[in-house]
C-alpha atoms as a PDB file:
ATOM      1  CA  MET A   1     -14.239   9.229 -15.059  1.00  0.00           C
ATOM      2  CA  HIS A   2     -16.074   6.055 -14.034  1.00  0.00           C
ATOM      3  CA  PHE A   3     -14.203   3.797 -11.613  1.00  0.00           C
ATOM      4  CA  VAL A   4     -14.759   0.055 -11.481  1.00  0.00           C
ATOM      5  CA  ILE A   5     -13.304  -1.213  -8.198  1.00  0.00           C
ATOM      6  CA  TYR A   6     -12.585  -4.862  -8.943  1.00  0.00           C
ATOM      7  CA  GLY A   7     -12.366  -6.365  -5.443  1.00  0.00           C
ATOM      8  CA  ALA A   8     -14.303  -4.470  -2.771  1.00  0.00           C
ATOM      9  CA  GLY A   9     -12.409  -5.786   0.256  1.00  0.00           C
ATOM     10  CA  ALA A  10     -10.410  -3.721   2.721  1.00  0.00           C
ATOM     11  CA  ILE A  11      -8.580  -1.513   0.206  1.00  0.00           C
ATOM     12  CA  GLY A  12     -11.149  -1.525  -2.575  1.00  0.00           C
ATOM     13  CA  GLY A  13     -14.000  -0.913  -0.175  1.00  0.00           C
ATOM     14  CA  VAL A  14     -12.412   2.085   1.523  1.00  0.00           C
ATOM     15  CA  VAL A  15     -11.308   3.643  -1.770  1.00  0.00           C
ATOM     16  CA  GLY A  16     -14.639   2.934  -3.460  1.00  0.00           C
ATOM     17  CA  ALA A  17     -16.667   4.413  -0.620  1.00  0.00           C
ATOM     18  CA  HIS A  18     -14.688   7.655  -0.665  1.00  0.00           C
ATOM     19  CA  LEU A  19     -14.748   7.958  -4.468  1.00  0.00           C
ATOM     20  CA  HIS A  20     -18.519   7.460  -4.468  1.00  0.00           C
ATOM     21  CA  ALA A  21     -19.035   9.895  -1.594  1.00  0.00           C
ATOM     22  CA  SER A  22     -17.053  12.547  -3.472  1.00  0.00           C
ATOM     23  CA  GLY A  23     -19.439  12.296  -6.426  1.00  0.00           C
ATOM     24  CA  ILE A  24     -17.224  10.237  -8.745  1.00  0.00           C
ATOM     25  CA  PRO A  25     -19.190   7.457 -10.540  1.00  0.00           C
ATOM     26  CA  THR A  26     -18.099   4.161  -8.983  1.00  0.00           C
ATOM     27  CA  THR A  27     -19.029   0.497  -9.339  1.00  0.00           C
ATOM     28  CA  LEU A  28     -17.902  -2.197  -6.914  1.00  0.00           C
ATOM     29  CA  VAL A  29     -17.227  -5.748  -8.097  1.00  0.00           C
ATOM     30  CA  ALA A  30     -17.511  -8.275  -5.281  1.00  0.00           C
ATOM     31  CA  ARG A  31     -18.684 -11.812  -4.622  1.00  0.00           C
ATOM     32  CA  GLY A  32     -20.168 -14.191  -2.077  1.00  0.00           C
ATOM     33  CA  ALA A  33     -21.423 -13.128   1.320  1.00  0.00           C
ATOM     34  CA  HIS A  34     -19.769  -9.715   1.010  1.00  0.00           C
ATOM     35  CA  LEU A  35     -21.702  -8.943  -2.164  1.00  0.00           C
ATOM     36  CA  ALA A  36     -24.952 -10.236  -0.657  1.00  0.00           C
ATOM     37  CA  ALA A  37     -24.527  -8.067   2.445  1.00  0.00           C
ATOM     38  CA  MET A  38     -23.802  -4.957   0.364  1.00  0.00           C
ATOM     39  CA  ARG A  39     -26.844  -5.585  -1.807  1.00  0.00           C
ATOM     40  CA  GLU A  40     -29.012  -5.690   1.310  1.00  0.00           C
ATOM     41  CA  HIS A  41     -27.460  -2.976   3.473  1.00  0.00           C
ATOM     42  CA  GLY A  42     -25.009  -1.077   1.279  1.00  0.00           C
ATOM     43  CA  LEU A  43     -21.277  -0.983   1.933  1.00  0.00           C
ATOM     44  CA  VAL A  44     -20.718  -0.039   5.567  1.00  0.00           C
ATOM     45  CA  LEU A  45     -17.588   2.073   6.042  1.00  0.00           C
ATOM     46  CA  ASP A  46     -16.374   2.045   9.641  1.00  0.00           C
ATOM     47  CA  THR A  47     -14.414   5.244  10.384  1.00  0.00           C
ATOM     48  CA  ALA A  48     -13.293   7.195  13.428  1.00  0.00           C
ATOM     49  CA  ASP A  49     -16.537   9.185  13.053  1.00  0.00           C
ATOM     50  CA  GLY A  50     -18.754   6.091  13.115  1.00  0.00           C
ATOM     51  CA  ARG A  51     -20.297   3.682  10.641  1.00  0.00           C
ATOM     52  CA  HIS A  52     -21.790   4.968   7.405  1.00  0.00           C
ATOM     53  CA  ALA A  53     -23.668   2.929   4.779  1.00  0.00           C
ATOM     54  CA  HIS A  54     -22.932   3.725   1.122  1.00  0.00           C
ATOM     55  CA  ARG A  55     -25.330   2.599  -1.592  1.00  0.00           C
ATOM     56  CA  ILE A  56     -22.903   2.053  -4.452  1.00  0.00           C
ATOM     57  CA  PRO A  57     -23.681   0.285  -7.754  1.00  0.00           C
ATOM     58  CA  LEU A  58     -22.609  -3.372  -7.503  1.00  0.00           C
ATOM     59  CA  ALA A  59     -21.603  -6.136  -9.901  1.00  0.00           C
ATOM     60  CA  ALA A  60     -20.742  -9.796  -9.416  1.00  0.00           C
ATOM     61  CA  ASN A  61     -18.350  -9.853 -12.387  1.00  0.00           C
ATOM     62  CA  ALA A  62     -17.190  -7.796 -15.355  1.00  0.00           C
ATOM     63  CA  SER A  63     -20.150  -8.771 -17.538  1.00  0.00           C
ATOM     64  CA  GLU A  64     -22.497  -6.894 -15.182  1.00  0.00           C
ATOM     65  CA  VAL A  65     -20.554  -3.616 -15.456  1.00  0.00           C
ATOM     66  CA  GLU A  66     -21.874  -0.811 -17.676  1.00  0.00           C
ATOM     67  CA  TRP A  67     -18.673  -0.099 -19.617  1.00  0.00           C
ATOM     68  CA  THR A  68     -18.121   3.414 -20.981  1.00  0.00           C
ATOM     69  CA  GLU A  69     -15.297   5.126 -22.850  1.00  0.00           C
ATOM     70  CA  ASP A  70     -14.130   6.800 -19.633  1.00  0.00           C
ATOM     71  CA  THR A  71     -14.203   3.679 -17.426  1.00  0.00           C
ATOM     72  CA  VAL A  72     -11.045   2.899 -15.453  1.00  0.00           C
ATOM     73  CA  VAL A  73     -10.563  -0.365 -13.538  1.00  0.00           C
ATOM     74  CA  LEU A  74      -8.924  -0.203 -10.126  1.00  0.00           C
ATOM     75  CA  LEU A  75      -7.751  -3.764  -9.491  1.00  0.00           C
ATOM     76  CA  THR A  76      -7.771  -4.434  -5.736  1.00  0.00           C
ATOM     77  CA  VAL A  77      -7.972  -8.216  -5.460  1.00  0.00           C
ATOM     78  CA  LYS A  78      -5.147 -10.157  -3.783  1.00  0.00           C
ATOM     79  CA  SER A  79      -2.277 -11.049  -6.105  1.00  0.00           C
ATOM     80  CA  GLN A  80      -3.163 -14.748  -6.194  1.00  0.00           C
ATOM     81  CA  GLN A  81      -6.559 -13.727  -7.608  1.00  0.00           C
ATOM     82  CA  THR A  82      -5.200 -11.469 -10.352  1.00  0.00           C
ATOM     83  CA  ALA A  83      -5.145 -14.022 -13.181  1.00  0.00           C
ATOM     84  CA  ALA A  84      -8.811 -14.953 -12.720  1.00  0.00           C
ATOM     85  CA  ALA A  85      -9.800 -11.276 -12.467  1.00  0.00           C
ATOM     86  CA  LEU A  86      -7.942 -10.416 -15.669  1.00  0.00           C
ATOM     87  CA  ASP A  87      -9.536 -13.329 -17.514  1.00  0.00           C
ATOM     88  CA  ASP A  88     -12.950 -12.011 -16.448  1.00  0.00           C
ATOM     89  CA  LEU A  89     -12.076  -8.439 -17.430  1.00  0.00           C
ATOM     90  CA  ARG A  90     -10.680  -9.431 -20.821  1.00  0.00           C
ATOM     91  CA  ALA A  91     -13.947 -11.200 -21.639  1.00  0.00           C
ATOM     92  CA  SER A  92     -16.072  -8.068 -21.081  1.00  0.00           C
ATOM     93  CA  ALA A  93     -14.011  -4.871 -20.808  1.00  0.00           C
ATOM     94  CA  PRO A  94     -13.091  -2.901 -23.952  1.00  0.00           C
ATOM     95  CA  PRO A  95      -9.449  -3.661 -24.917  1.00  0.00           C
ATOM     96  CA  ASN A  96      -8.376  -0.044 -24.431  1.00  0.00           C
ATOM     97  CA  THR A  97      -9.642   0.071 -20.824  1.00  0.00           C
ATOM     98  CA  PRO A  98      -6.977   1.329 -18.407  1.00  0.00           C
ATOM     99  CA  ILE A  99      -6.249  -1.213 -15.657  1.00  0.00           C
ATOM    100  CA  VAL A 100      -4.733   0.211 -12.484  1.00  0.00           C
ATOM    101  CA  SER A 101      -3.100  -2.168 -10.009  1.00  0.00           C
ATOM    102  CA  ALA A 102      -3.718  -1.000  -6.431  1.00  0.00           C
ATOM    103  CA  GLN A 103      -2.279  -4.194  -4.975  1.00  0.00           C
ATOM    104  CA  ASN A 104       0.608  -5.433  -2.869  1.00  0.00           C
ATOM    105  CA  GLY A 105       3.547  -6.998  -4.652  1.00  0.00           C
ATOM    106  CA  VAL A 106       5.167  -6.226  -8.000  1.00  0.00           C
ATOM    107  CA  ALA A 107       4.012  -9.154 -10.167  1.00  0.00           C
ATOM    108  CA  ASN A 108       0.544  -7.812 -10.962  1.00  0.00           C
ATOM    109  CA  GLU A 109       1.582  -5.051 -13.349  1.00  0.00           C
ATOM    110  CA  PRO A 110       3.419  -7.378 -15.800  1.00  0.00           C
ATOM    111  CA  ALA A 111       0.442  -9.758 -15.694  1.00  0.00           C
ATOM    112  CA  ILE A 112      -1.911  -6.884 -16.560  1.00  0.00           C
ATOM    113  CA  LEU A 113       0.344  -5.639 -19.362  1.00  0.00           C
ATOM    114  CA  ARG A 114       0.155  -9.056 -21.035  1.00  0.00           C
ATOM    115  CA  ARG A 115      -3.572  -8.452 -21.532  1.00  0.00           C
ATOM    116  CA  PHE A 116      -4.136  -4.673 -21.450  1.00  0.00           C
ATOM    117  CA  ALA A 117      -1.841  -2.085 -23.048  1.00  0.00           C
ATOM    118  CA  ARG A 118      -2.881   0.730 -20.723  1.00  0.00           C
ATOM    119  CA  THR A 119      -1.424  -0.487 -17.417  1.00  0.00           C
ATOM    120  CA  TYR A 120      -0.959   1.705 -14.349  1.00  0.00           C
ATOM    121  CA  SER A 121       0.231   1.167 -10.798  1.00  0.00           C
ATOM    122  CA  VAL A 122      -0.687   2.630  -7.423  1.00  0.00           C
ATOM    123  CA  CYS A 123       1.498   2.532  -4.342  1.00  0.00           C
ATOM    124  CA  VAL A 124      -1.118   1.987  -1.642  1.00  0.00           C
ATOM    125  CA  MET A 125      -0.462   3.318   1.854  1.00  0.00           C
ATOM    126  CA  LEU A 126      -3.807   2.629   3.484  1.00  0.00           C
ATOM    127  CA  PRO A 127      -4.464   0.798   6.757  1.00  0.00           C
ATOM    128  CA  ALA A 128      -7.787  -1.024   6.503  1.00  0.00           C
ATOM    129  CA  LEU A 129      -9.589  -4.154   7.685  1.00  0.00           C
ATOM    130  CA  HIS A 130     -12.205  -6.403   6.139  1.00  0.00           C
ATOM    131  CA  LEU A 131     -13.327  -9.180   8.486  1.00  0.00           C
ATOM    132  CA  GLU A 132     -17.131  -8.924   8.307  1.00  0.00           C
ATOM    133  CA  PRO A 133     -19.304  -9.243   5.168  1.00  0.00           C
ATOM    134  CA  GLY A 134     -20.542  -5.870   4.012  1.00  0.00           C
ATOM    135  CA  VAL A 135     -18.166  -3.918   6.268  1.00  0.00           C
ATOM    136  CA  VAL A 136     -14.742  -2.354   5.727  1.00  0.00           C
ATOM    137  CA  VAL A 137     -12.795  -0.556   8.444  1.00  0.00           C
ATOM    138  CA  GLN A 138     -10.775   2.563   7.693  1.00  0.00           C
ATOM    139  CA  GLY A 139      -7.703   2.317   9.894  1.00  0.00           C
ATOM    140  CA  SER A 140      -6.610   5.962   9.733  1.00  0.00           C
ATOM    141  CA  SER A 141      -8.341   8.785  11.552  1.00  0.00           C
ATOM    142  CA  ALA A 142      -6.629  11.422   9.403  1.00  0.00           C
ATOM    143  CA  HIS A 143      -6.611  10.938   5.636  1.00  0.00           C
ATOM    144  CA  PRO A 144      -7.899   7.470   4.751  1.00  0.00           C
ATOM    145  CA  GLY A 145      -4.691   6.724   2.884  1.00  0.00           C
ATOM    146  CA  ILE A 146      -2.146   7.781   0.258  1.00  0.00           C
ATOM    147  CA  LEU A 147      -2.525   6.667  -3.376  1.00  0.00           C
ATOM    148  CA  ASP A 148       0.426   7.699  -5.540  1.00  0.00           C
ATOM    149  CA  VAL A 149       0.092   6.573  -9.156  1.00  0.00           C
ATOM    150  CA  GLY A 150       2.103   6.186 -12.354  1.00  0.00           C
ATOM    151  CA  ARG A 151       2.095   4.381 -15.658  1.00  0.00           C
ATOM    152  CA  PHE A 152       3.716   0.943 -15.865  1.00  0.00           C
ATOM    153  CA  PRO A 153       6.575   0.322 -16.426  1.00  0.00           C
ATOM    154  CA  ASP A 154       7.304   4.020 -15.940  1.00  0.00           C
ATOM    155  CA  GLY A 155       6.215   7.496 -16.892  1.00  0.00           C
ATOM    156  CA  VAL A 156       3.429   9.987 -16.249  1.00  0.00           C
ATOM    157  CA  ASP A 157       0.704  10.818 -18.746  1.00  0.00           C
ATOM    158  CA  ALA A 158      -2.606  12.667 -18.796  1.00  0.00           C
ATOM    159  CA  LEU A 159      -4.511   9.733 -17.298  1.00  0.00           C
ATOM    160  CA  SER A 160      -2.146   9.224 -14.376  1.00  0.00           C
ATOM    161  CA  THR A 161      -2.430  12.932 -13.612  1.00  0.00           C
ATOM    162  CA  SER A 162      -6.240  12.679 -13.795  1.00  0.00           C
ATOM    163  CA  LEU A 163      -6.211   9.636 -11.527  1.00  0.00           C
ATOM    164  CA  ALA A 164      -4.158  11.531  -8.959  1.00  0.00           C
ATOM    165  CA  SER A 165      -6.659  14.400  -9.124  1.00  0.00           C
ATOM    166  CA  CYS A 166      -9.607  12.031  -8.572  1.00  0.00           C
ATOM    167  CA  PHE A 167      -7.918  10.330  -5.628  1.00  0.00           C
ATOM    168  CA  THR A 168      -7.064  13.693  -4.076  1.00  0.00           C
ATOM    169  CA  ALA A 169     -10.634  14.929  -4.531  1.00  0.00           C
ATOM    170  CA  ALA A 170     -11.832  11.808  -2.697  1.00  0.00           C
ATOM    171  CA  GLY A 171      -9.586  12.558   0.287  1.00  0.00           C
ATOM    172  CA  PHE A 172      -6.483  10.526  -0.621  1.00  0.00           C
ATOM    173  CA  PRO A 173      -3.276  12.559  -1.036  1.00  0.00           C
ATOM    174  CA  SER A 174      -1.968  11.460  -4.428  1.00  0.00           C
ATOM    175  CA  GLU A 175       0.894  12.359  -6.733  1.00  0.00           C
ATOM    176  CA  ALA A 176       1.616  11.151 -10.250  1.00  0.00           C
ATOM    177  CA  ARG A 177       5.103   9.613 -10.136  1.00  0.00           C
ATOM    178  CA  PRO A 178       7.230   8.673 -13.165  1.00  0.00           C
ATOM    179  CA  GLN A 179       9.043   5.891 -11.249  1.00  0.00           C
ATOM    180  CA  ILE A 180       6.100   4.404  -9.395  1.00  0.00           C
ATOM    181  CA  MET A 181       7.650   0.921  -9.255  1.00  0.00           C
ATOM    182  CA  ALA A 182      10.516   2.220  -7.109  1.00  0.00           C
ATOM    183  CA  TRP A 183       7.826   3.068  -4.555  1.00  0.00           C
ATOM    184  CA  LYS A 184       6.185  -0.322  -5.012  1.00  0.00           C
ATOM    185  CA  TYR A 185       9.475  -2.117  -4.333  1.00  0.00           C
ATOM    186  CA  ARG A 186       9.885  -0.170  -1.075  1.00  0.00           C
ATOM    187  CA  LYS A 187       6.348  -1.244  -0.162  1.00  0.00           C
ATOM    188  CA  LEU A 188       7.334  -4.828  -1.002  1.00  0.00           C
ATOM    189  CA  ILE A 189      10.182  -4.662   1.528  1.00  0.00           C
ATOM    190  CA  MET A 190       7.737  -3.391   4.153  1.00  0.00           C
ATOM    191  CA  ASN A 191       5.274  -6.171   3.285  1.00  0.00           C
ATOM    192  CA  LEU A 192       7.872  -8.820   4.156  1.00  0.00           C
ATOM    193  CA  ALA A 193       6.486  -8.491   7.681  1.00  0.00           C
ATOM    194  CA  ASN A 194       3.064  -9.719   6.500  1.00  0.00           C
ATOM    195  CA  GLY A 195       3.759 -13.437   6.733  1.00  0.00           C
ATOM    196  CA  ILE A 196       5.516 -12.991  10.050  1.00  0.00           C
ATOM    197  CA  ASP A 197       2.535 -10.977  11.258  1.00  0.00           C
ATOM    198  CA  ALA A 198       0.176 -13.773  10.194  1.00  0.00           C
ATOM    199  CA  CYS A 199       2.216 -16.648  11.642  1.00  0.00           C
ATOM    200  CA  PHE A 200       3.930 -15.199  14.694  1.00  0.00           C
ATOM    201  CA  ARG A 201       1.693 -12.406  15.912  1.00  0.00           C
ATOM    202  CA  ASP A 202       3.383 -11.040  19.026  1.00  0.00           C
ATOM    203  CA  ASP A 203       5.833  -8.280  19.932  1.00  0.00           C
ATOM    204  CA  SER A 204       8.679 -10.448  21.206  1.00  0.00           C
ATOM    205  CA  ALA A 205      12.346  -9.911  20.411  1.00  0.00           C
ATOM    206  CA  ALA A 206      12.245 -13.040  18.229  1.00  0.00           C
ATOM    207  CA  HIS A 207       9.351 -11.618  16.210  1.00  0.00           C
ATOM    208  CA  ARG A 208      11.240  -8.358  15.662  1.00  0.00           C
ATOM    209  CA  GLU A 209      14.373 -10.274  14.698  1.00  0.00           C
ATOM    210  CA  LEU A 210      12.491 -12.192  12.023  1.00  0.00           C
ATOM    211  CA  VAL A 211      11.110  -8.964  10.543  1.00  0.00           C
ATOM    212  CA  SER A 212      14.517  -7.292  10.569  1.00  0.00           C
ATOM    213  CA  ARG A 213      16.266 -10.254   8.957  1.00  0.00           C
ATOM    214  CA  ALA A 214      13.559 -10.757   6.332  1.00  0.00           C
ATOM    215  CA  ARG A 215      13.809  -7.117   5.269  1.00  0.00           C
ATOM    216  CA  ALA A 216      17.623  -7.240   5.244  1.00  0.00           C
ATOM    217  CA  GLU A 217      17.422 -10.192   2.860  1.00  0.00           C
ATOM    218  CA  GLY A 218      15.015  -8.197   0.714  1.00  0.00           C
ATOM    219  CA  GLU A 219      17.383  -5.233   0.521  1.00  0.00           C
ATOM    220  CA  ALA A 220      20.265  -7.545  -0.444  1.00  0.00           C
ATOM    221  CA  VAL A 221      18.225  -9.218  -3.162  1.00  0.00           C
ATOM    222  CA  LEU A 222      17.098  -5.929  -4.729  1.00  0.00           C
ATOM    223  CA  ALA A 223      20.694  -4.693  -4.730  1.00  0.00           C
ATOM    224  CA  ALA A 224      21.907  -7.894  -6.418  1.00  0.00           C
ATOM    225  CA  ALA A 225      19.133  -7.653  -9.015  1.00  0.00           C
ATOM    226  CA  GLY A 226      19.843  -3.977  -9.688  1.00  0.00           C
ATOM    227  CA  ILE A 227      16.280  -3.024  -8.817  1.00  0.00           C
ATOM    228  CA  GLU A 228      15.696   0.544  -7.664  1.00  0.00           C
ATOM    229  CA  ALA A 229      13.587   1.222  -4.577  1.00  0.00           C
ATOM    230  CA  VAL A 230      13.029   4.550  -2.866  1.00  0.00           C
ATOM    231  CA  SER A 231      14.709   4.784   0.521  1.00  0.00           C
ATOM    232  CA  SER A 232      12.888   3.965   3.733  1.00  0.00           C
ATOM    233  CA  GLU A 233      13.444   7.579   4.793  1.00  0.00           C
ATOM    234  CA  THR A 234      11.774   8.871   1.614  1.00  0.00           C
ATOM    235  CA  ASP A 235       8.854   6.551   2.295  1.00  0.00           C
ATOM    236  CA  ARG A 236       8.559   7.786   5.913  1.00  0.00           C
ATOM    237  CA  GLN A 237       8.623  11.392   4.772  1.00  0.00           C
ATOM    238  CA  ARG A 238       5.846  10.711   2.280  1.00  0.00           C
ATOM    239  CA  ARG A 239       3.651   9.180   4.959  1.00  0.00           C
ATOM    240  CA  GLY A 240       4.466  11.919   7.476  1.00  0.00           C
ATOM    241  CA  ASP A 241       1.395  12.669   9.553  1.00  0.00           C
ATOM    242  CA  LEU A 242      -1.030  12.021   6.681  1.00  0.00           C
ATOM    243  CA  ILE A 243      -1.946   8.625   8.156  1.00  0.00           C
ATOM    244  CA  VAL A 244      -2.819   8.344  11.854  1.00  0.00           C
ATOM    245  CA  ARG A 245      -3.753   4.841  12.967  1.00  0.00           C
ATOM    246  CA  ARG A 246      -6.807   4.614  15.178  1.00  0.00           C
ATOM    247  CA  PRO A 247      -8.009   1.885  17.567  1.00  0.00           C
ATOM    248  CA  THR A 248     -10.331  -0.321  15.533  1.00  0.00           C
ATOM    249  CA  GLY A 249     -11.731  -2.605  18.224  1.00  0.00           C
ATOM    250  CA  GLU A 250     -10.464  -5.601  16.253  1.00  0.00           C
ATOM    251  CA  ASP A 251      -7.580  -7.897  17.180  1.00  0.00           C
ATOM    252  CA  GLY A 252      -4.914  -5.428  16.210  1.00  0.00           C
ATOM    253  CA  SER A 253      -4.433  -3.755  12.848  1.00  0.00           C
ATOM    254  CA  GLY A 254      -3.455  -6.988  11.117  1.00  0.00           C
ATOM    255  CA  SER A 255      -1.814  -7.069   7.706  1.00  0.00           C
ATOM    256  CA  SER A 256      -3.692  -8.168   4.623  1.00  0.00           C
ATOM    257  CA  THR A 257      -2.128 -11.622   4.966  1.00  0.00           C
ATOM    258  CA  TRP A 258      -3.199 -11.856   8.614  1.00  0.00           C
ATOM    259  CA  GLN A 259      -6.739 -10.879   7.605  1.00  0.00           C
ATOM    260  CA  SER A 260      -6.880 -13.643   4.978  1.00  0.00           C
ATOM    261  CA  VAL A 261      -5.822 -16.212   7.583  1.00  0.00           C
ATOM    262  CA  GLU A 262      -8.223 -14.792  10.168  1.00  0.00           C
ATOM    263  CA  ARG A 263     -11.159 -14.962   7.736  1.00  0.00           C
ATOM    264  CA  GLY A 264     -10.239 -18.498   6.698  1.00  0.00           C
ATOM    265  CA  THR A 265     -10.222 -17.683   2.990  1.00  0.00           C
ATOM    266  CA  GLY A 266      -8.013 -20.675   2.203  1.00  0.00           C
ATOM    267  CA  SER A 267      -5.492 -18.634   0.212  1.00  0.00           C
ATOM    268  CA  VAL A 268      -2.950 -15.891   0.897  1.00  0.00           C
ATOM    269  CA  GLU A 269      -0.723 -13.661  -1.220  1.00  0.00           C
ATOM    270  CA  ILE A 270       2.534 -14.752   0.441  1.00  0.00           C
ATOM    271  CA  ASP A 271       4.005 -16.148  -2.815  1.00  0.00           C
ATOM    272  CA  TYR A 272       3.838 -12.630  -4.272  1.00  0.00           C
ATOM    273  CA  LEU A 273       5.342 -10.881  -1.236  1.00  0.00           C
ATOM    274  CA  THR A 274       7.876 -13.018   0.610  1.00  0.00           C
ATOM    275  CA  GLY A 275       7.896 -15.357  -2.397  1.00  0.00           C
ATOM    276  CA  GLU A 276       9.007 -12.501  -4.658  1.00  0.00           C
ATOM    277  CA  ILE A 277      12.174 -12.100  -2.590  1.00  0.00           C
ATOM    278  CA  VAL A 278      12.736 -15.861  -2.592  1.00  0.00           C
ATOM    279  CA  LEU A 279      12.379 -15.889  -6.387  1.00  0.00           C
ATOM    280  CA  LEU A 280      14.777 -12.988  -6.920  1.00  0.00           C
ATOM    281  CA  GLY A 281      17.249 -14.520  -4.482  1.00  0.00           C
ATOM    282  CA  ARG A 282      17.286 -17.771  -6.436  1.00  0.00           C
ATOM    283  CA  LEU A 283      17.647 -15.927  -9.730  1.00  0.00           C
ATOM    284  CA  HIS A 284      20.599 -13.862  -8.509  1.00  0.00           C
ATOM    285  CA  GLY A 285      22.344 -16.262  -6.152  1.00  0.00           C
ATOM    286  CA  VAL A 286      21.416 -14.548  -2.885  1.00  0.00           C
ATOM    287  CA  GLY A 287      20.405 -16.659   0.117  1.00  0.00           C
ATOM    288  CA  THR A 288      16.988 -15.888   1.615  1.00  0.00           C
ATOM    289  CA  PRO A 289      16.563 -18.424   4.472  1.00  0.00           C
ATOM    290  CA  VAL A 290      14.258 -16.258   6.596  1.00  0.00           C
ATOM    291  CA  ASN A 291      11.916 -15.470   3.733  1.00  0.00           C
ATOM    292  CA  GLU A 292      11.908 -19.117   2.631  1.00  0.00           C
ATOM    293  CA  LEU A 293      10.921 -20.172   6.149  1.00  0.00           C
ATOM    294  CA  VAL A 294       8.194 -17.526   6.395  1.00  0.00           C
ATOM    295  CA  GLN A 295       6.778 -18.473   2.989  1.00  0.00           C
ATOM    296  CA  ALA A 296       6.648 -22.159   3.947  1.00  0.00           C
ATOM    297  CA  GLU A 297       5.204 -21.542   7.416  1.00  0.00           C
ATOM    298  CA  THR A 298       2.513 -19.213   6.101  1.00  0.00           C
ATOM    299  CA  MET A 299       1.378 -21.811   3.595  1.00  0.00           C
ATOM    300  CA  ARG A 300       1.405 -24.475   6.345  1.00  0.00           C
ATOM    301  CA  LEU A 301      -0.739 -22.204   8.494  1.00  0.00           C
ATOM    302  CA  VAL A 302      -3.294 -21.936   5.692  1.00  0.00           C
ATOM    303  CA  ARG A 303      -3.138 -25.601   4.669  1.00  0.00           C
ATOM    304  CA  ASP A 304      -3.568 -26.895   8.229  1.00  0.00           C
ATOM    305  CA  ARG A 305      -6.111 -24.146   9.066  1.00  0.00           C
ATOM    306  CA  LEU A 306      -4.137 -23.016  12.095  1.00  0.00           C
ATOM    307  CA  PRO A 307      -5.149 -19.786  13.875  1.00  0.00           C
ATOM    308  CA  ALA A 308      -3.388 -16.568  12.922  1.00  0.00           C
ATOM    309  CA  GLY A 309      -0.447 -15.866  15.208  1.00  0.00           C
ATOM    310  CA  SER A 310      -0.297 -19.399  16.572  1.00  0.00           C
ATOM    311  CA  LEU A 311       3.343 -20.194  15.747  1.00  0.00           C
ATOM    312  CA  ASP A 312       6.326 -19.576  18.060  1.00  0.00           C
ATOM    313  CA  PRO A 313       8.790 -17.000  16.651  1.00  0.00           C
ATOM    314  CA  ALA A 314      11.546 -18.128  19.031  1.00  0.00           C
ATOM    315  CA  ALA A 315      11.299 -21.653  17.622  1.00  0.00           C
ATOM    316  CA  ALA A 316      11.631 -20.223  14.114  1.00  0.00           C
ATOM    317  CA  VAL A 317      14.782 -18.292  15.082  1.00  0.00           C
ATOM    318  CA  THR A 318      16.224 -21.482  16.595  1.00  0.00           C
ATOM    319  CA  ARG A 319      15.489 -23.434  13.401  1.00  0.00           C
ATOM    320  CA  LEU A 320      17.263 -20.787  11.340  1.00  0.00           C
ATOM    321  CA  ALA A 321      20.312 -20.932  13.630  1.00  0.00           C
ATOM    322  CA  GLN A 322      20.457 -24.726  13.371  1.00  0.00           C
ATOM    323  CA  ALA A 323      20.151 -24.592   9.589  1.00  0.00           C
END
């Protein structure tokens, strides 16, 4: 199997480095300064054991990939970048190419299925950072992460089983799961902290209250929509002691949304995380005031180029009470 990692940031970089190191043919698709740095120095993987440079085949877009019959695309761009990535892939990748979403949110898989029949999903449990061109930081000192996989919308087939075997061989515990989206919806509830993490980065009681209330709204919305999610206890049991966070030397182990704000990328995936709950709430008549506030404040943070963690969570709680 030949993996094309489309988006070699925090998640794609860590996964790609380990796949390549395990002997599995891998190509990284990247752009800009990150691509330039990797072309000069290789992809530097920062782990608990030190920094290691990996010379992995690189491409700037899908047209530069050497497509084969056994090529699988692991899509690891942020959700707001999915449409452009799929347009690029459709122009160059064979139509029967399997596309595997290893992304936050639950909107990517339907978008992929509109263009590619063989659509798969990965529930990613993998702490990682990407703040410096050419460098990705593995946030776990045990296994680098967990990558459970299944076909979208449901089911397990020979390819999903093979994907799980490849991930496991590369050091990522992986199981093929027939109801992978139930795991992705649990991850979505967890990711409702991302915008709060990006806007209100502190450990105050107000910060914790916002996280708790945002997730409670998420649970209520999924129940109203009749959407199945695995329990938080099942999720905790799956993680177990497979992932052990390590000190990274960076400003905390910020979420993917926090990293986008910190790097000044000018865009974040909040509309596909918090915004997913807002959308479902509006569709099913469930109020989501906390998630609406977090979505709006995250976009204001990006639009006004404010520093990550610069907003006051207590002020946000007060605004919610007044509303």
